[in-house]
Protein backbone atom coordinates (compact mmCIF):
# COMPACT_ATOMS: atom_id res chain seq x y z
CA MET A 1 -137.67 83.49 30.60
CA GLN A 2 -140.64 82.58 28.38
CA LYS A 3 -142.50 85.66 29.62
CA ILE A 4 -139.56 87.86 28.65
CA LEU A 5 -139.34 86.28 25.19
CA SER A 6 -143.09 86.70 24.65
CA GLU A 7 -142.93 90.35 25.62
CA PHE A 8 -139.92 90.87 23.37
CA LYS A 9 -141.67 89.28 20.38
CA LYS A 10 -144.81 91.34 20.97
CA TYR A 11 -142.94 94.63 20.74
CA ALA A 12 -140.33 93.55 18.18
CA LYS A 13 -142.99 92.63 15.62
CA LYS A 14 -144.41 96.12 16.02
CA GLY A 15 -140.98 97.65 15.52
CA ARG A 16 -141.00 99.24 18.95
CA GLY A 17 -137.83 100.51 20.56
CA LYS A 18 -139.15 98.92 23.76
CA ALA A 19 -138.11 95.53 22.37
CA PHE A 20 -134.50 96.70 22.18
CA LEU A 21 -134.61 97.95 25.77
CA ILE A 22 -135.97 94.55 26.89
CA PHE A 23 -133.23 92.82 24.90
CA ARG A 24 -130.49 94.96 26.39
CA GLU A 25 -131.81 94.55 29.92
CA HIS A 26 -131.80 90.74 29.76
CA LYS A 27 -128.37 89.72 28.50
CA ASP A 28 -128.80 86.32 30.16
CA VAL A 29 -131.62 85.43 27.74
CA ASP A 30 -130.84 83.99 24.30
CA PHE A 31 -132.84 86.02 21.75
CA SER A 32 -131.07 84.53 18.70
CA LYS A 33 -134.16 82.77 17.32
CA GLU A 34 -136.27 85.90 17.65
CA ILE A 35 -133.58 88.08 16.04
CA LEU A 36 -133.32 85.68 13.08
CA ASP A 37 -137.08 86.08 12.67
CA LEU A 38 -136.65 89.89 12.59
CA CYS A 39 -134.03 89.43 9.86
CA LEU A 40 -136.34 87.23 7.80
CA ARG A 41 -139.63 89.14 8.08
CA ASN A 42 -140.91 92.66 7.81
CA TYR A 43 -143.88 92.98 10.15
CA ALA A 44 -144.73 96.59 9.22
CA TYR A 45 -148.41 97.33 8.59
CA ASP A 46 -147.60 98.78 5.16
CA PRO A 47 -144.00 98.02 4.08
CA GLN A 48 -144.49 100.06 0.89
CA CYS A 49 -144.93 103.21 3.00
CA GLU A 50 -142.71 102.34 5.95
CA GLY A 51 -139.94 100.60 4.00
CA GLU A 52 -137.82 97.66 5.07
CA ARG A 53 -136.68 97.28 8.68
CA SER A 54 -133.08 96.21 8.15
CA GLU A 55 -131.66 98.88 10.47
CA TYR A 56 -133.99 97.71 13.20
CA ALA A 57 -132.88 94.08 12.87
CA LEU A 58 -129.24 95.13 12.58
CA GLN A 59 -129.21 96.92 15.93
CA PHE A 60 -130.07 93.63 17.67
CA PHE A 61 -127.47 91.67 15.72
CA ARG A 62 -124.74 94.12 16.71
CA GLU A 63 -125.44 93.53 20.41
CA LEU A 64 -125.03 89.74 20.25
CA ASN A 65 -121.86 88.07 21.48
CA GLU A 66 -119.41 86.68 18.91
CA GLU A 67 -120.61 83.10 19.23
CA GLN A 68 -124.22 84.14 18.65
CA LYS A 69 -123.23 86.38 15.72
CA ASN A 70 -121.29 83.57 14.02
CA ALA A 71 -124.15 81.10 14.46
CA LEU A 72 -126.73 83.58 13.14
CA ALA A 73 -124.54 84.57 10.19
CA SER A 74 -124.08 80.92 9.23
CA GLU A 75 -127.82 80.35 9.39
CA ILE A 76 -128.54 83.42 7.23
CA ALA A 77 -126.00 82.31 4.61
CA LYS A 78 -127.58 78.86 4.59
CA ILE A 79 -131.11 80.26 4.15
CA LEU A 80 -130.00 82.55 1.32
CA LYS A 81 -128.80 79.62 -0.75
CA THR A 82 -132.25 78.01 -0.87
CA TYR A 83 -134.54 81.03 -0.36
CA GLU A 84 -137.48 80.88 -2.75
CA ILE A 85 -138.08 84.22 -4.46
CA SER A 86 -141.75 84.72 -5.31
CA ASP A 87 -143.16 85.93 -8.63
CA ASP A 88 -145.18 88.46 -6.63
CA LEU A 89 -143.82 91.50 -4.84
CA ASP A 90 -142.46 90.10 -1.57
CA TRP A 91 -141.63 92.64 1.15
CA ASP A 92 -140.18 89.94 3.42
CA CYS A 93 -137.74 88.93 0.69
CA LEU A 94 -136.61 92.51 0.07
CA HIS A 95 -136.15 93.11 3.78
CA PHE A 96 -134.26 89.85 4.34
CA PHE A 97 -131.83 90.30 1.44
CA ILE A 98 -131.01 93.90 2.39
CA THR A 99 -130.60 92.91 6.04
CA ALA A 100 -128.31 90.05 4.97
CA ALA A 101 -126.20 92.46 2.92
CA LYS A 102 -125.80 94.80 5.87
CA ILE A 103 -124.86 91.97 8.22
CA SER A 104 -122.29 90.76 5.69
CA ARG A 105 -120.66 94.18 5.89
CA GLU A 106 -120.34 93.75 9.66
CA GLY A 107 -117.54 91.24 9.02
CA PHE A 108 -119.36 88.14 7.80
CA PRO A 109 -118.34 87.72 4.14
CA GLN A 110 -119.92 84.25 3.84
CA ILE A 111 -123.32 86.00 3.71
CA GLY A 112 -122.19 88.29 0.92
CA ASP A 113 -120.78 85.30 -0.97
CA ALA A 114 -124.12 83.48 -0.68
CA LEU A 115 -125.98 86.59 -1.83
CA LEU A 116 -123.77 87.04 -4.89
CA GLU A 117 -123.98 83.34 -5.71
CA ARG A 118 -127.79 83.59 -5.75
CA PHE A 119 -127.65 86.66 -7.96
CA ASP A 120 -125.17 85.12 -10.43
CA LYS A 121 -127.45 82.11 -10.92
CA CYS A 122 -130.43 84.28 -11.93
CA ASP A 123 -131.70 84.26 -15.49
CA ASP A 124 -132.64 87.47 -17.35
CA TYR A 125 -136.22 87.50 -16.10
CA GLU A 126 -135.18 87.07 -12.47
CA VAL A 127 -132.49 89.77 -12.73
CA CYS A 128 -134.91 92.26 -14.29
CA ASN A 129 -138.05 91.46 -12.32
CA LEU A 130 -137.67 89.28 -9.22
CA PHE A 131 -134.32 89.41 -7.47
CA PRO A 132 -134.12 92.17 -4.80
CA VAL A 133 -131.19 93.91 -6.49
CA GLU A 134 -131.19 96.66 -3.85
CA SER A 135 -129.33 94.14 -1.69
CA ILE A 136 -126.46 93.96 -4.19
CA LEU A 137 -126.10 97.76 -4.08
CA THR A 138 -126.25 97.62 -0.28
CA LEU A 139 -123.50 94.99 -0.28
CA LEU A 140 -121.12 96.52 -2.83
CA ASP A 141 -122.11 100.21 -3.08
CA PHE A 142 -121.31 101.62 -6.55
CA GLU A 143 -119.75 98.36 -7.72
CA GLY A 144 -123.07 96.73 -6.87
CA LEU A 145 -124.83 99.19 -9.16
CA VAL A 146 -122.32 98.34 -11.90
CA LYS A 147 -122.89 94.60 -11.38
CA VAL A 148 -126.67 94.86 -11.60
CA ALA A 149 -126.59 97.32 -14.52
CA GLU A 150 -124.23 95.02 -16.45
CA ARG A 151 -126.51 92.01 -15.98
CA ARG A 152 -129.57 93.98 -17.02
CA GLY A 153 -127.70 95.59 -19.93
CA GLU A 154 -126.73 92.12 -21.09
CA ALA A 155 -130.40 91.11 -20.95
CA PHE A 156 -131.40 94.22 -22.93
CA LEU A 157 -128.93 93.36 -25.69
CA ARG A 158 -130.80 90.07 -26.08
CA ASP A 159 -134.31 91.47 -25.70
CA LYS A 160 -135.24 94.80 -27.27
CA ASP A 161 -138.72 94.86 -25.65
CA LYS A 162 -137.69 95.09 -22.00
CA SER A 163 -138.14 98.47 -20.33
CA GLU A 164 -136.10 100.11 -17.55
CA ASP A 165 -136.42 103.23 -15.40
CA ASP A 166 -133.86 105.07 -13.26
CA TYR A 167 -135.00 103.53 -9.96
CA LEU A 168 -131.63 101.87 -9.31
CA PHE A 169 -129.94 105.26 -9.07
CA CYS A 170 -132.16 105.96 -6.05
CA CYS A 171 -130.89 102.84 -4.27
CA LEU A 172 -127.25 103.86 -3.91
CA HIS A 173 -126.97 104.92 -0.28
CA GLY A 174 -125.41 108.31 0.33
CA VAL A 175 -125.17 109.17 -3.38
CA SER A 176 -127.60 111.43 -5.24
CA VAL A 177 -129.48 110.14 -8.29
CA GLU A 178 -127.61 112.62 -10.49
CA ASP A 179 -124.19 111.61 -9.19
CA ALA A 180 -124.98 107.90 -9.47
CA ARG A 181 -125.98 108.39 -13.09
CA LYS A 182 -122.82 110.38 -13.89
CA MET A 183 -120.60 107.74 -12.28
CA LEU A 184 -122.23 104.98 -14.31
CA GLN A 185 -122.06 107.02 -17.52
CA GLU A 186 -118.31 107.42 -17.02
CA ARG A 187 -117.87 103.67 -16.50
CA ALA A 188 -120.12 102.97 -19.52
CA LYS A 189 -117.67 104.65 -21.92
CA SER A 190 -115.72 101.40 -22.04
CA ASN A 191 -118.53 98.95 -21.26
CA GLU A 192 -121.13 97.91 -23.85
CA LYS A 193 -123.47 96.32 -21.31
CA LEU A 194 -123.61 99.46 -19.21
CA ARG A 195 -124.29 101.54 -22.32
CA ALA A 196 -127.18 99.20 -23.18
CA PHE A 197 -128.56 99.67 -19.65
CA LEU A 198 -128.38 103.49 -19.83
CA GLU A 199 -129.78 103.59 -23.36
CA ARG A 200 -132.76 101.49 -22.32
CA ILE A 201 -133.53 103.93 -19.50
CA ASP A 202 -133.47 106.82 -21.99
CA GLU A 203 -135.66 104.91 -24.46
CA THR A 204 -138.20 103.97 -21.80
CA THR A 205 -138.36 107.57 -20.56
CA LYS A 206 -138.85 108.86 -24.10
CA HIS A 207 -141.63 106.35 -24.84
CA ARG A 208 -143.41 107.25 -21.59
CA GLU A 209 -143.27 110.97 -22.35
CA GLU A 210 -144.56 110.40 -25.89
CA TYR A 211 -147.42 108.29 -24.58
CA GLN A 212 -148.37 110.93 -22.02
CA LYS A 213 -148.22 113.64 -24.68
CA GLN A 214 -150.44 111.64 -27.04
CA HIS A 215 -153.01 110.96 -24.33
CA LYS A 216 -153.01 114.43 -22.81
CA SER A 217 -156.53 115.81 -22.95
CA THR A 218 -157.20 118.97 -24.92
CA LYS A 219 -160.25 119.69 -22.76
CA SER A 220 -160.21 122.22 -19.91
CA ALA A 221 -160.00 121.10 -16.29
CA PHE A 222 -163.66 122.06 -15.85
CA GLU A 223 -164.78 119.90 -18.79
CA GLN A 224 -162.70 116.94 -17.60
CA VAL A 225 -163.99 117.14 -14.02
CA LYS A 226 -167.56 117.47 -15.26
CA ALA A 227 -167.26 114.30 -17.33
CA LEU A 228 -165.54 112.34 -14.52
CA ALA A 229 -168.09 113.41 -11.92
CA GLU A 230 -171.00 112.46 -14.17
CA GLU A 231 -169.44 109.04 -14.76
CA ASN A 232 -168.72 108.62 -11.03
CA LYS A 233 -164.96 108.27 -11.58
CA MET A 234 -161.98 109.39 -9.52
CA ILE A 235 -160.92 113.00 -10.09
CA PRO A 236 -157.14 113.64 -10.13
CA ARG A 237 -155.93 116.25 -7.67
CA LYS A 238 -154.27 118.36 -10.36
CA LEU A 239 -157.69 118.81 -11.98
CA ARG A 240 -159.32 119.72 -8.66
CA TYR A 241 -156.69 122.37 -7.98
CA ALA A 242 -157.12 123.85 -11.46
CA LEU A 243 -160.79 124.77 -10.89
CA SER A 244 -161.81 128.35 -10.19
CA ASP A 245 -164.02 129.38 -7.27
CA ASP A 246 -166.99 129.76 -9.62
CA GLU A 247 -166.39 126.30 -11.07
CA ASN A 248 -166.19 124.77 -7.59
CA MET A 249 -169.50 126.43 -6.73
CA TYR A 250 -171.03 124.99 -9.91
CA PHE A 251 -170.07 121.46 -8.81
CA ALA A 252 -171.31 122.10 -5.27
CA LYS A 253 -174.73 122.96 -6.68
CA LYS A 254 -174.62 119.89 -8.94
CA LEU A 255 -173.94 117.75 -5.87
CA LEU A 256 -176.98 119.15 -4.06
CA GLU A 257 -179.16 118.60 -7.15
CA GLN A 258 -178.47 114.87 -7.39
CA LYS A 259 -181.30 112.61 -6.24
CA SER A 260 -179.36 109.38 -5.64
CA GLN A 261 -176.32 108.45 -3.58
CA LYS A 262 -174.68 106.89 -6.61
CA LYS A 263 -174.92 110.14 -8.56
CA ARG A 264 -173.71 112.23 -5.61
CA ILE A 265 -170.54 110.22 -5.06
CA GLY A 266 -168.91 111.57 -8.23
CA TYR A 267 -169.28 115.11 -6.89
CA ILE A 268 -168.53 114.25 -3.25
CA ARG A 269 -165.13 112.98 -4.37
CA LEU A 270 -164.33 116.47 -5.62
CA PHE A 271 -164.62 117.95 -2.13
CA ASP A 272 -163.28 115.17 0.11
CA LEU A 273 -160.50 115.94 2.57
CA PHE A 274 -157.81 114.22 0.47
CA GLY A 275 -158.26 116.68 -2.36
CA LYS A 276 -157.96 119.69 -0.02
CA VAL A 277 -160.71 121.49 -1.96
CA SER A 278 -163.38 122.57 0.54
CA PHE A 279 -167.08 122.52 -0.20
CA PRO A 280 -167.73 126.18 -1.13
CA ASP A 281 -171.43 126.41 -0.18
CA ASP A 282 -173.09 126.27 3.25
CA PRO A 283 -172.08 122.82 4.62
CA ARG A 284 -175.41 122.57 6.49
CA LYS A 285 -177.00 121.85 3.11
CA LEU A 286 -175.15 118.51 3.09
CA LEU A 287 -176.62 117.24 6.37
CA PRO A 288 -179.93 115.99 4.85
CA LEU A 289 -177.90 113.91 2.39
CA PHE A 290 -176.74 111.42 5.05
CA SER A 291 -177.95 107.86 4.48
CA LYS A 292 -180.02 106.07 7.12
CA ARG A 293 -177.41 103.32 6.90
CA LYS A 294 -175.15 105.03 9.44
CA ASN A 295 -171.89 103.26 8.71
CA SER A 296 -172.09 103.09 4.95
CA TRP A 297 -169.18 103.89 2.66
CA TYR A 298 -171.30 106.73 1.26
CA ASN A 299 -171.65 108.36 4.71
CA GLU A 300 -167.91 108.02 5.26
CA ARG A 301 -167.29 110.00 2.05
CA LEU A 302 -169.78 112.65 3.18
CA VAL A 303 -167.95 112.97 6.50
CA ASP A 304 -164.75 113.57 4.48
CA VAL A 305 -166.41 116.59 2.90
CA LEU A 306 -167.66 117.94 6.23
CA THR A 307 -164.45 117.44 8.21
CA PRO A 308 -163.02 120.98 7.60
CA PHE A 309 -166.04 122.71 9.16
CA ALA A 310 -166.84 123.78 12.73
CA LEU A 311 -170.59 123.57 13.33
CA PRO A 312 -172.78 122.69 16.32
CA GLU A 313 -174.59 120.16 14.13
CA LEU A 314 -171.32 118.37 13.33
CA ARG A 315 -170.28 118.45 16.98
CA LYS A 316 -173.54 116.69 17.82
CA ILE A 317 -172.90 113.95 15.24
CA ALA A 318 -169.38 113.42 16.60
CA GLN A 319 -170.73 113.38 20.16
CA ASN A 320 -173.21 110.66 19.21
CA ALA A 321 -170.33 108.64 17.74
CA LEU A 322 -168.28 109.06 20.93
CA GLU A 323 -171.12 107.80 23.10
CA SER A 324 -172.55 105.02 20.93
CA ASP A 325 -171.08 101.87 19.40
CA ASN A 326 -173.68 102.17 16.65
CA TYR A 327 -171.56 104.80 14.92
CA ALA A 328 -168.37 103.86 13.07
CA PHE A 329 -165.07 105.44 14.06
CA PHE A 330 -164.91 107.58 10.91
CA TYR A 331 -167.48 109.99 12.38
CA LEU A 332 -164.78 111.13 14.82
CA ASP A 333 -163.06 112.89 11.91
CA LEU A 334 -165.60 115.62 12.59
CA LEU A 335 -163.83 116.33 15.89
CA LYS A 336 -160.92 117.84 14.00
CA GLN A 337 -162.74 121.19 14.00
CA ASN A 338 -165.30 120.38 16.69
CA TYR A 339 -163.20 119.09 19.59
CA SER A 340 -163.98 119.75 23.26
CA GLU A 341 -161.75 119.16 26.27
CA GLY A 342 -162.58 115.82 27.82
CA ASP A 343 -163.12 114.06 24.48
CA GLY A 344 -159.72 112.35 24.76
CA GLU A 345 -160.84 109.72 27.27
CA LYS A 346 -163.92 108.88 25.17
CA ILE A 347 -161.79 108.63 22.02
CA ALA A 348 -159.45 106.20 23.81
CA LYS A 349 -162.37 104.00 24.88
CA LYS A 350 -163.74 103.88 21.35
CA LEU A 351 -160.28 103.21 19.87
CA ALA A 352 -159.80 100.28 22.26
CA LYS A 353 -162.84 98.57 20.71
CA GLU A 354 -161.24 98.49 17.23
CA LYS A 355 -159.86 94.93 17.24
CA LYS A 356 -159.12 94.32 13.55
CA PRO A 357 -155.65 95.59 12.48
CA HIS A 358 -156.97 97.39 9.39
CA ASP A 359 -159.78 99.10 11.31
CA PHE A 360 -157.42 100.05 14.15
CA HIS A 361 -154.92 101.52 11.70
CA HIS A 362 -157.49 103.79 10.07
CA ALA A 363 -158.96 104.73 13.44
CA GLY A 364 -155.44 105.64 14.53
CA ILE A 365 -155.06 107.99 11.56
CA THR A 366 -158.27 109.71 12.64
CA VAL A 367 -156.95 110.09 16.19
CA ARG A 368 -153.73 111.64 14.94
CA ASN A 369 -155.63 114.06 12.70
CA ILE A 370 -157.80 115.16 15.63
CA PHE A 371 -154.80 116.02 17.78
CA LYS A 372 -152.81 117.59 14.97
CA ALA A 373 -155.57 120.17 14.89
CA ASN A 374 -156.01 120.31 18.69
CA THR A 375 -152.87 120.48 20.83
CA THR A 376 -153.94 119.38 24.30
CA ALA A 377 -152.75 117.17 27.16
CA ASP A 378 -156.08 115.42 26.65
CA CYS A 379 -154.36 113.50 23.82
CA ARG A 380 -152.30 111.32 26.16
CA LEU A 381 -154.64 108.34 26.65
CA PRO A 382 -155.67 107.78 23.00
CA LEU A 383 -152.18 108.38 21.59
CA GLU A 384 -150.48 106.11 24.13
CA LEU A 385 -153.02 103.40 23.22
CA LEU A 386 -152.25 103.99 19.54
CA ILE A 387 -148.53 103.53 20.19
CA GLU A 388 -149.11 100.41 22.28
CA GLU A 389 -151.24 98.60 19.69
CA SER A 390 -150.13 99.90 16.29
CA VAL A 391 -147.80 98.00 13.97
CA CYS A 392 -147.34 101.10 11.80
CA GLY A 393 -144.12 103.02 12.31
CA GLN A 394 -145.49 106.19 10.71
CA CYS A 395 -148.49 106.24 13.05
CA ARG A 396 -146.25 105.54 16.02
CA LEU A 397 -143.84 108.37 15.21
CA GLY A 398 -146.71 110.75 14.53
CA ALA A 399 -148.25 109.92 17.91
CA VAL A 400 -144.94 110.41 19.73
CA GLU A 401 -144.45 113.82 18.12
CA LEU A 402 -147.96 114.90 19.12
CA LEU A 403 -147.42 113.77 22.72
CA GLU A 404 -144.15 115.68 22.76
CA LYS A 405 -145.81 118.81 21.35
CA ALA A 406 -148.52 118.60 24.02
CA GLY A 407 -145.88 118.17 26.75
CA VAL A 408 -147.11 114.75 27.87
CA LEU A 409 -144.56 112.37 26.31
CA SER A 410 -143.61 109.86 29.01
CA ALA A 411 -140.01 109.13 29.97
CA GLU A 412 -140.49 105.51 28.87
CA LEU A 413 -141.62 106.43 25.36
CA LYS A 414 -138.89 109.03 25.08
CA ALA A 415 -136.25 106.44 26.06
CA GLU A 416 -137.29 103.90 23.42
CA ARG A 417 -137.71 106.36 20.55
CA ALA A 418 -134.11 106.17 19.30
CA PHE A 419 -134.44 102.40 18.81
CA ASP A 420 -137.78 102.43 16.97
CA SER A 421 -137.82 100.76 13.56
CA TYR A 422 -139.21 103.77 11.71
CA GLU A 423 -136.90 106.25 13.44
CA LEU A 424 -133.92 104.10 12.45
CA SER A 425 -135.10 103.83 8.84
CA LEU A 426 -135.51 107.60 8.59
CA ALA A 427 -132.08 108.19 10.12
CA TYR A 428 -130.47 105.80 7.64
CA SER A 429 -132.22 107.47 4.70
CA ASP A 430 -130.96 110.89 5.75
């Protein structure tokens, strides 16, 4: 039994659908403790990108027997009453409160009562800044929006300096932002607190637009990029996209003229892969610029610039990285346009050596990018390893889709896909 529970926890923390299949296969095992943990914590690599995992936790709760459901619901209600809400952004708290609201709607009103009791005890600062109010909207739908907007409107009547945006309108499930706003405007006709809430949104929006207008540069995109590059500062994408071909060539020549790495970085940023503005000159001219410190941050940025190009010289660099541990994983980005059949097995071996979660995550992104550009059955080993080890739902889904496209998605991975945390979150959002 302990082996089953350990295997379940391993996959459940990653958000894998495999955990649900294990759970469903072993009805004689009590998973209540582990399911409570899934309700309380969001184990996603980056919850800001992946979102909360309430739908994932909920699918397990729904499969429990009535006795287990009642016991778990009582425990959740008890925890809610004393749950300490942090001053910092807390993804576990957001996930737990939304999950609690959804479980309450499954026929356990004591959880909803505890949630509302916590909310009603909040002061103005907590209502406006700390309490995960999305859970109130999840619990009560539009009436939840009204309840939160009234409390915040009441706070705004007391404090003229608080700001507010229209984020709450995005949190009403199944209702568009425009419709949510219209519904609240109609209710606000006879409600001073709601009017204060809506007025504060309008005021905040107006102040933001005025600030942006006042600080909008009168200089051309070329002049702004020139100044940012010289000062070694980040260059916004909108400025990159506004440059002409001649202006891009000017900056390419400026990059090649620089004598130090520090000076080059400002120009390298203009042509990295995230900006989608390719280096317009012969990329071979960049090869002598590599630092002798192979795995430096500077070299990683240079690889970003060279990634869009197919060249024998770049293939050789990538080959060296495949065959030597002395090269960091980022060099494999060069395989995107310089891939050869048989590289897949070597990529998998190198990926397996990335033991730190952060390093593995970024290596996994590289692997996905390689096989987005190269559809081949050769992707199976590295992508299956990525799925097995990753705690990122986005990476996992991306890998599954690439395996499917290449025609090598296993029956096991196909079977668990519908129960994956990220798949469930996307389905709920749609």
